[in-house]
C-alpha atoms as a PDB file:
ATOM      1  CA  MET A   1     -51.963  66.835  90.168  1.00  0.00           C
ATOM      2  CA  LYS A   2     -51.147  64.294  92.840  1.00  0.00           C
ATOM      3  CA  HIS A   3     -50.965  60.525  92.445  1.00  0.00           C
ATOM      4  CA  LYS A   4     -51.522  58.001  95.172  1.00  0.00           C
ATOM      5  CA  ILE A   5     -48.843  55.314  95.360  1.00  0.00           C
ATOM      6  CA  ALA A   6     -48.071  52.452  97.702  1.00  0.00           C
ATOM      7  CA  ILE A   7     -44.546  52.039  99.022  1.00  0.00           C
ATOM      8  CA  THR A   8     -42.915  49.643 101.452  1.00  0.00           C
ATOM      9  CA  LEU A   9     -40.624  51.078 104.097  1.00  0.00           C
ATOM     10  CA  ASP A  10     -38.591  49.557 106.875  1.00  0.00           C
ATOM     11  CA  GLU A  11     -40.178  49.940 110.305  1.00  0.00           C
ATOM     12  CA  PRO A  12     -37.519  52.383 111.621  1.00  0.00           C
ATOM     13  CA  LEU A  13     -38.174  54.668 108.643  1.00  0.00           C
ATOM     14  CA  VAL A  14     -41.912  54.661 109.277  1.00  0.00           C
ATOM     15  CA  ALA A  15     -41.243  55.532 112.933  1.00  0.00           C
ATOM     16  CA  PHE A  16     -38.969  58.374 111.814  1.00  0.00           C
ATOM     17  CA  ILE A  17     -41.608  59.715 109.426  1.00  0.00           C
ATOM     18  CA  ASP A  18     -44.290  59.502 112.094  1.00  0.00           C
ATOM     19  CA  LEU A  19     -42.063  61.356 114.549  1.00  0.00           C
ATOM     20  CA  HIS A  20     -41.312  64.211 112.133  1.00  0.00           C
ATOM     21  CA  SER A  21     -44.368  64.424 109.897  1.00  0.00           C
ATOM     22  CA  GLY A  22     -46.751  66.128 112.265  1.00  0.00           C
ATOM     23  CA  GLY A  23     -49.387  63.585 111.336  1.00  0.00           C
ATOM     24  CA  ASN A  24     -49.246  64.113 107.575  1.00  0.00           C
ATOM     25  CA  ARG A  25     -46.925  61.491 106.105  1.00  0.00           C
ATOM     26  CA  SER A  26     -47.719  62.365 102.492  1.00  0.00           C
ATOM     27  CA  GLU A  27     -46.941  66.060 102.871  1.00  0.00           C
ATOM     28  CA  TYR A  28     -43.747  65.304 104.793  1.00  0.00           C
ATOM     29  CA  LEU A  29     -42.528  62.863 102.121  1.00  0.00           C
ATOM     30  CA  ASN A  30     -43.478  65.353  99.381  1.00  0.00           C
ATOM     31  CA  GLN A  31     -41.372  68.037 101.085  1.00  0.00           C
ATOM     32  CA  LEU A  32     -38.423  65.657 101.478  1.00  0.00           C
ATOM     33  CA  LEU A  33     -38.583  64.663  97.822  1.00  0.00           C
ATOM     34  CA  VAL A  34     -38.840  68.271  96.644  1.00  0.00           C
ATOM     35  CA  LEU A  35     -35.695  69.095  98.641  1.00  0.00           C
ATOM     36  CA  GLU A  36     -33.878  66.025  97.301  1.00  0.00           C
ATOM     37  CA  ARG A  37     -34.854  66.862  93.721  1.00  0.00           C
ATOM     38  CA  LYS A  38     -33.553  70.424  94.202  1.00  0.00           C
ATOM     39  CA  ARG A  39     -30.306  69.118  95.714  1.00  0.00           C
ATOM     40  CA  THR A  40     -29.851  66.695  92.807  1.00  0.00           C
ATOM     41  CA  ILE A  41     -30.474  69.375  90.164  1.00  0.00           C
ATOM     42  CA  GLU A  42     -28.053  71.752  91.896  1.00  0.00           C
ATOM     43  CA  ALA A  43     -25.380  69.033  92.017  1.00  0.00           C
ATOM     44  CA  GLN A  44     -25.872  68.332  88.302  1.00  0.00           C
ATOM     45  CA  LEU A  45     -25.603  72.041  87.499  1.00  0.00           C
ATOM     46  CA  ILE A  46     -22.414  72.407  89.550  1.00  0.00           C
ATOM     47  CA  LYS A  47     -20.899  69.375  87.804  1.00  0.00           C
ATOM     48  CA  ALA A  48     -21.779  70.792  84.365  1.00  0.00           C
ATOM     49  CA  LEU A  49     -20.310  74.187  85.240  1.00  0.00           C
ATOM     50  CA  GLN A  50     -17.127  72.561  86.555  1.00  0.00           C
ATOM     51  CA  GLU A  51     -16.811  70.597  83.317  1.00  0.00           C
ATOM     52  CA  ASP A  52     -17.259  73.802  81.312  1.00  0.00           C
ATOM     53  CA  CYS A  53     -14.579  75.547  83.358  1.00  0.00           C
ATOM     54  CA  SER A  54     -12.085  72.794  82.548  1.00  0.00           C
ATOM     55  CA  ASP A  55     -12.813  72.828  78.795  1.00  0.00           C
ATOM     56  CA  PRO A  56     -10.232  75.041  77.039  1.00  0.00           C
ATOM     57  CA  ASP A  57     -12.405  75.406  73.920  1.00  0.00           C
ATOM     58  CA  TYR A  58     -15.356  76.603  75.979  1.00  0.00           C
ATOM     59  CA  LEU A  59     -13.179  79.050  77.926  1.00  0.00           C
ATOM     60  CA  ALA A  60     -11.743  80.458  74.688  1.00  0.00           C
ATOM     61  CA  GLU A  61     -15.259  80.967  73.318  1.00  0.00           C
ATOM     62  CA  ILE A  62     -16.327  82.749  76.505  1.00  0.00           C
ATOM     63  CA  GLN A  63     -13.348  85.095  76.188  1.00  0.00           C
ATOM     64  CA  LEU A  64     -14.391  85.917  72.622  1.00  0.00           C
ATOM     65  CA  TRP A  65     -17.949  86.637  73.746  1.00  0.00           C
ATOM     66  CA  ASP A  66     -16.705  88.803  76.625  1.00  0.00           C
ATOM     67  CA  ALA A  67     -14.646  90.833  74.170  1.00  0.00           C
ATOM     68  CA  ALA A  68     -17.570  91.173  71.756  1.00  0.00           C
ATOM     69  CA  ILE A  69     -20.009  92.202  74.470  1.00  0.00           C
ATOM     70  CA  SER A  70     -17.716  94.832  75.927  1.00  0.00           C
ATOM     71  CA  ASP A  71     -16.702  96.239  72.532  1.00  0.00           C
ATOM     72  CA  GLY A  72     -17.931  99.787  72.267  1.00  0.00           C
ATOM     73  CA  LEU A  73     -19.529 100.057  75.701  1.00  0.00           C
ATOM     74  CA  ASP A  74     -17.300 102.977  76.656  1.00  0.00           C
ATOM     75  CA  ASP A  75     -18.464 104.887  73.561  1.00  0.00           C
ATOM     76  CA  ALA A  76     -22.128 104.371  74.457  1.00  0.00           C
ATOM     77  CA  GLU A  77     -21.718 105.882  77.916  1.00  0.00           C
ATOM     78  CA  GLY A  78     -20.921 109.192  76.337  1.00  0.00           C
END
């Protein structure tokens, strides 16, 4: 579902949008916002992963899980 909104932009930004939008301002702005949302989510994910990698308790738990997951795999291969 799409919603119609009204926004106020500086004149140079409107000129930029008109130059690059191919005549469809709404679609162009939608595409820009989708890309920005993706970039923001990726940055948040990277930050969370970096925090996990610096947490000694988390790293110790991952090592325990790695050991548990790999336990007995050689036996199953036959």
